[in-house]
Amino acid sequence: MDQTALDPDRCYAALMRRDPSADGLFFVGVRTTGIYCRPVCPARTPARAHVEFHASAAMAQAAGFRPCLRCRPESAPDSPAWAGTLASIHRALRLIEDGALAEARVAALAARLGMTDRHLRRLFTEHLGQGLLTIERTRRINLAKKLIHETRLSLTDIAFAAGFGSVRRFNEVFVAAFGRPPSALRRDGGGANPDAPVVVSLAYRPGFDWAGRGVVVVPLPVGLASIEPGNGRTLCVTLTDVPLPMLGRAIAAARRVAFGGEGDAPSHTTRFLAAD
């Protein structure tokens, strides 16, 4: 079964319920606004004829939708849209999450996986319905938006932490994605010391239990990540002595420790995928 195929009726029913167990499993593109949302978005539920469903944020953005500023799709729990696909895709996605395409080209990533870049591109198109560069662009913009909302790092620091080669390029991509510059999303002046601890949150769906773990400290290649319960269905991650270019990798490492290699998806993850 194509893992990116979704059952529209089940998805719309979950959207109407604002079902938290569906959060991160799919995203809702609203044709009348050009915005895509999480199924738990508090905004008024659009008519069935005006929506379409996507298995990942990258697919929604590739379809031309902009992220909702109200429900913040970048803060959703990890989507397991690629669960059950080839091991090589799993490894490639992990390397991308760790910044492989921020540091090198697709050909270099493919070489690390022992295949040609043409074959790697074909695997992503065939199994995920999207290209590697689409996934990488979404990773960068979502990481940047998360850091804007959740930290007081300067926009310049955020640009480089998210893997953009220049502030100018960061601004261009951000305006293309949101229709406004990154400064428009900043509620305060930012300007925190880049060497100070960075605190971010990781959301999870109902069914995940952190009880009994307390505070978990994760040694990183550079610095430490401390994970503890946060507000609501979130974990609080404090990153200490982590260089700006490694923030994305550190957050990804903390997520893997917290939720395991496949994320926090419970056994009913596939309920929103198309029936056999």
Protein backbone atom coordinates (compact mmCIF):
# COMPACT_ATOMS: atom_id res chain seq x y z
CA MET A 1 0.00 0.00 0.00
CA ASP A 2 1.20 3.50 -0.76
CA GLN A 3 2.06 4.94 2.66
CA THR A 4 1.25 8.49 1.53
CA ALA A 5 -2.34 7.59 0.49
CA LEU A 6 -4.89 8.91 2.98
CA ASP A 7 -8.54 8.08 3.51
CA PRO A 8 -10.23 11.50 3.01
CA ASP A 9 -13.39 10.53 4.90
CA ARG A 10 -11.48 9.40 7.99
CA CYS A 11 -9.27 12.46 7.83
CA TYR A 12 -12.22 14.84 7.59
CA ALA A 13 -13.99 13.10 10.47
CA ALA A 14 -10.84 13.51 12.58
CA LEU A 15 -10.66 17.17 11.55
CA MET A 16 -14.26 17.76 12.64
CA ARG A 17 -13.46 16.17 16.03
CA ARG A 18 -10.13 18.03 16.26
CA ASP A 19 -8.81 14.59 17.22
CA PRO A 20 -5.48 14.92 19.09
CA SER A 21 -4.58 11.33 18.19
CA ALA A 22 -4.49 12.44 14.53
CA ASP A 23 -2.14 15.36 15.19
CA GLY A 24 0.92 15.02 12.96
CA LEU A 25 -0.47 12.01 11.07
CA PHE A 26 -1.75 14.25 8.28
CA PHE A 27 -2.12 17.93 7.38
CA VAL A 28 -5.14 19.75 5.97
CA GLY A 29 -4.80 21.99 2.92
CA VAL A 30 -7.60 24.58 2.72
CA ARG A 31 -8.06 25.57 -0.92
CA THR A 32 -10.02 28.75 -0.18
CA THR A 33 -7.21 30.25 1.93
CA GLY A 34 -4.09 28.54 0.57
CA ILE A 35 -3.18 27.57 4.14
CA TYR A 36 -2.41 24.12 5.56
CA CYS A 37 -3.21 23.20 9.16
CA ARG A 38 -2.97 20.48 11.77
CA PRO A 39 -6.20 18.50 12.32
CA VAL A 40 -6.38 20.05 15.80
CA CYS A 41 -6.36 23.64 14.51
CA PRO A 42 -8.83 25.75 16.55
CA ALA A 43 -9.98 27.67 13.48
CA ARG A 44 -13.46 27.10 12.09
CA THR A 45 -13.67 23.76 10.27
CA PRO A 46 -13.78 24.37 6.50
CA ALA A 47 -16.31 22.66 4.26
CA ARG A 48 -15.39 19.19 3.01
CA ALA A 49 -15.28 20.38 -0.60
CA HIS A 50 -12.65 23.01 0.27
CA VAL A 51 -9.99 20.75 1.80
CA GLU A 52 -7.42 18.19 0.77
CA PHE A 53 -5.19 16.02 2.94
CA HIS A 54 -1.43 15.51 2.89
CA ALA A 55 0.67 12.95 4.73
CA SER A 56 3.43 15.42 5.58
CA ALA A 57 4.11 19.13 5.89
CA ALA A 58 6.55 18.89 2.99
CA MET A 59 3.83 17.49 0.72
CA ALA A 60 1.42 20.25 1.73
CA GLN A 61 3.99 22.94 0.99
CA ALA A 62 4.93 21.28 -2.30
CA ALA A 63 1.23 21.50 -3.24
CA GLY A 64 1.40 25.27 -2.78
CA PHE A 65 -0.06 25.70 0.72
CA ARG A 66 1.44 27.99 3.38
CA PRO A 67 1.72 26.91 7.04
CA CYS A 68 -1.00 28.12 9.37
CA LEU A 69 0.26 30.75 11.82
CA ARG A 70 -2.37 29.78 14.37
CA CYS A 71 -1.86 26.02 14.83
CA ARG A 72 1.83 26.04 13.78
CA PRO A 73 2.24 22.81 11.74
CA GLU A 74 5.97 22.81 12.51
CA SER A 75 5.12 22.11 16.15
CA ALA A 76 3.05 18.98 15.43
CA PRO A 77 4.26 15.57 16.61
CA ASP A 78 6.37 13.74 14.06
CA SER A 79 4.44 12.26 11.16
CA PRO A 80 5.12 8.58 10.40
CA ALA A 81 4.11 9.00 6.74
CA TRP A 82 7.12 6.96 5.66
CA ALA A 83 6.63 4.11 8.16
CA GLY A 84 7.04 0.76 6.49
CA THR A 85 9.17 2.00 3.60
CA LEU A 86 12.69 0.90 2.75
CA ALA A 87 15.46 0.96 5.33
CA SER A 88 17.51 3.17 2.99
CA ILE A 89 14.77 5.82 3.08
CA HIS A 90 14.67 5.69 6.87
CA ARG A 91 18.42 6.24 6.99
CA ALA A 92 18.28 9.02 4.41
CA LEU A 93 15.53 10.81 6.36
CA ARG A 94 17.55 10.56 9.55
CA LEU A 95 20.61 11.99 7.80
CA ILE A 96 18.52 14.83 6.35
CA GLU A 97 17.12 15.54 9.81
CA ASP A 98 20.71 15.68 11.05
CA GLY A 99 21.55 18.29 8.41
CA ALA A 100 23.12 16.17 5.66
CA LEU A 101 21.65 18.31 2.87
CA ALA A 102 22.55 21.51 4.68
CA GLU A 103 26.19 20.44 4.50
CA ALA A 104 26.40 18.71 1.11
CA ARG A 105 24.53 17.92 -2.10
CA VAL A 106 22.18 15.03 -2.84
CA ALA A 107 24.99 13.16 -4.60
CA ALA A 108 27.03 13.14 -1.38
CA LEU A 109 24.05 11.88 0.62
CA ALA A 110 23.45 9.14 -1.93
CA ALA A 111 27.12 8.12 -1.75
CA ARG A 112 26.83 7.75 2.03
CA LEU A 113 23.92 5.39 1.40
CA GLY A 114 25.82 3.40 -1.23
CA MET A 115 23.69 4.34 -4.23
CA THR A 116 23.50 6.87 -7.05
CA ASP A 117 21.68 10.15 -6.54
CA ARG A 118 19.31 9.22 -9.38
CA HIS A 119 18.28 6.03 -7.56
CA LEU A 120 17.84 7.87 -4.26
CA ARG A 121 15.64 10.51 -5.93
CA ARG A 122 13.55 7.76 -7.52
CA LEU A 123 13.04 6.02 -4.16
CA PHE A 124 11.78 9.22 -2.54
CA THR A 125 9.44 10.02 -5.40
CA GLU A 126 8.11 6.46 -5.53
CA HIS A 127 7.65 5.85 -1.80
CA LEU A 128 7.06 9.32 -0.34
CA GLY A 129 5.66 11.22 -3.31
CA GLN A 130 8.10 14.10 -2.83
CA GLY A 131 11.69 14.97 -3.59
CA LEU A 132 14.63 15.22 -1.22
CA LEU A 133 15.05 18.95 -1.73
CA THR A 134 11.38 19.54 -0.90
CA ILE A 135 11.87 17.69 2.37
CA GLU A 136 15.04 19.65 3.08
CA ARG A 137 13.40 23.03 2.37
CA THR A 138 10.54 22.13 4.69
CA ARG A 139 12.99 21.02 7.39
CA ARG A 140 14.85 24.33 7.25
CA ILE A 141 11.81 26.58 7.24
CA ASN A 142 10.06 24.62 9.99
CA LEU A 143 13.17 24.62 12.18
CA ALA A 144 13.54 28.36 11.66
CA LYS A 145 9.90 29.01 12.50
CA LYS A 146 10.15 26.86 15.63
CA LEU A 147 13.20 28.79 16.81
CA ILE A 148 11.46 32.12 16.11
CA HIS A 149 8.43 31.13 18.20
CA GLU A 150 10.18 29.31 21.02
CA THR A 151 13.53 31.06 21.53
CA ARG A 152 14.95 34.57 21.75
CA LEU A 153 17.80 33.91 19.35
CA SER A 154 18.37 36.71 16.87
CA LEU A 155 16.98 36.20 13.38
CA THR A 156 20.53 36.13 12.04
CA ASP A 157 21.45 33.31 14.42
CA ILE A 158 18.24 31.47 13.51
CA ALA A 159 19.00 31.76 9.79
CA PHE A 160 22.34 30.03 10.18
CA ALA A 161 21.08 27.54 12.76
CA ALA A 162 18.42 26.41 10.26
CA GLY A 163 20.99 25.88 7.53
CA PHE A 164 20.49 28.94 5.34
CA GLY A 165 23.63 30.21 3.66
CA SER A 166 22.74 33.86 4.15
CA VAL A 167 20.20 36.06 5.90
CA ARG A 168 19.04 37.31 2.52
CA ARG A 169 18.23 33.77 1.36
CA PHE A 170 16.51 33.07 4.67
CA ASN A 171 14.28 36.11 4.22
CA GLU A 172 13.45 35.17 0.61
CA VAL A 173 12.43 31.63 1.49
CA PHE A 174 10.47 32.77 4.53
CA VAL A 175 8.50 35.37 2.58
CA ALA A 176 7.76 32.77 -0.11
CA ALA A 177 6.47 30.33 2.53
CA PHE A 178 4.51 32.73 4.75
CA GLY A 179 3.90 35.86 2.71
CA ARG A 180 5.70 37.95 5.33
CA PRO A 181 9.26 38.39 6.63
CA PRO A 182 10.47 36.44 9.68
CA SER A 183 10.50 39.63 11.75
CA ALA A 184 6.70 39.75 11.46
CA LEU A 185 6.44 36.55 13.52
CA ARG A 186 8.73 37.73 16.30
CA ARG A 187 6.81 38.91 19.33
CA ASP A 188 9.84 40.31 21.12
CA GLY A 189 13.13 41.76 20.02
CA GLY A 190 15.10 38.54 20.37
CA GLY A 191 18.78 39.10 20.76
CA ALA A 192 19.49 36.40 23.34
CA ASN A 193 23.07 35.35 23.95
CA PRO A 194 23.74 32.59 21.36
CA ASP A 195 25.87 30.78 23.96
CA ALA A 196 23.00 30.61 26.49
CA PRO A 197 20.91 27.41 26.79
CA VAL A 198 18.22 27.08 24.13
CA VAL A 199 14.84 25.74 25.25
CA VAL A 200 12.37 24.17 22.80
CA SER A 201 9.34 21.88 23.08
CA LEU A 202 8.48 18.53 21.49
CA ALA A 203 4.79 17.66 21.09
CA TYR A 204 3.36 14.16 21.33
CA ARG A 205 0.02 12.46 20.77
CA PRO A 206 -2.20 10.86 23.44
CA GLY A 207 -0.91 7.45 24.49
CA PHE A 208 2.70 8.49 25.00
CA ASP A 209 3.82 8.23 28.63
CA TRP A 210 6.88 9.98 30.03
CA ALA A 211 5.99 9.19 33.64
CA GLY A 212 8.82 7.71 35.65
CA ARG A 213 11.60 9.05 33.47
CA GLY A 214 11.86 12.43 35.14
CA VAL A 215 14.74 14.43 33.68
CA VAL A 216 16.86 12.67 31.05
CA VAL A 217 20.24 14.13 30.06
CA VAL A 218 21.45 13.24 26.55
CA PRO A 219 25.16 13.68 25.75
CA LEU A 220 25.58 15.09 22.24
CA PRO A 221 28.68 15.23 20.01
CA VAL A 222 28.89 18.81 21.25
CA GLY A 223 26.87 19.89 24.31
CA LEU A 224 24.00 18.33 26.22
CA ALA A 225 20.24 17.99 25.85
CA SER A 226 18.09 17.79 28.97
CA ILE A 227 14.56 16.41 28.49
CA GLU A 228 11.74 16.76 31.01
CA PRO A 229 7.93 17.06 31.05
CA GLY A 230 6.58 20.30 29.59
CA ASN A 231 3.18 21.95 29.40
CA GLY A 232 0.29 19.94 28.01
CA ARG A 233 1.30 17.13 25.65
CA THR A 234 4.88 18.34 25.28
CA LEU A 235 8.37 17.64 26.49
CA CYS A 236 10.73 20.48 27.36
CA VAL A 237 14.22 20.21 25.86
CA THR A 238 17.06 22.39 27.16
CA LEU A 239 20.14 22.48 24.93
CA THR A 240 23.37 23.55 26.60
CA ASP A 241 26.69 24.35 24.90
CA VAL A 242 25.30 23.40 21.48
CA PRO A 243 26.75 25.47 18.59
CA LEU A 244 24.20 27.21 16.39
CA PRO A 245 24.87 25.05 13.30
CA MET A 246 24.13 21.93 15.38
CA LEU A 247 20.82 23.03 16.93
CA GLY A 248 18.70 21.14 14.41
CA ARG A 249 20.77 17.99 14.86
CA ALA A 250 20.55 18.32 18.65
CA ILE A 251 16.76 18.68 18.59
CA ALA A 252 16.52 15.63 16.30
CA ALA A 253 18.74 13.62 18.67
CA ALA A 254 16.60 14.60 21.66
CA ARG A 255 13.47 13.60 19.75
CA ARG A 256 14.90 10.16 18.96
CA VAL A 257 15.87 9.57 22.58
CA ALA A 258 12.45 10.70 23.81
CA PHE A 259 10.29 8.86 21.32
CA GLY A 260 12.51 6.18 19.85
CA GLY A 261 13.78 5.85 16.30
CA GLU A 262 10.30 5.80 14.76
CA GLY A 263 8.79 8.65 16.77
CA ASP A 264 5.97 8.35 19.29
CA ALA A 265 3.36 6.92 16.94
CA PRO A 266 0.99 4.47 18.68
CA SER A 267 -0.26 1.30 17.03
CA HIS A 268 -3.27 3.05 15.48
CA THR A 269 -1.06 5.30 13.36
CA THR A 270 -2.31 3.82 10.07
CA ARG A 271 -5.98 4.39 10.83
CA PHE A 272 -5.97 7.52 8.64
CA LEU A 273 -4.27 5.80 5.72
CA ALA A 274 -6.38 4.41 2.89
CA ALA A 275 -7.96 1.05 3.63
CA ASP A 276 -6.52 -2.04 1.91
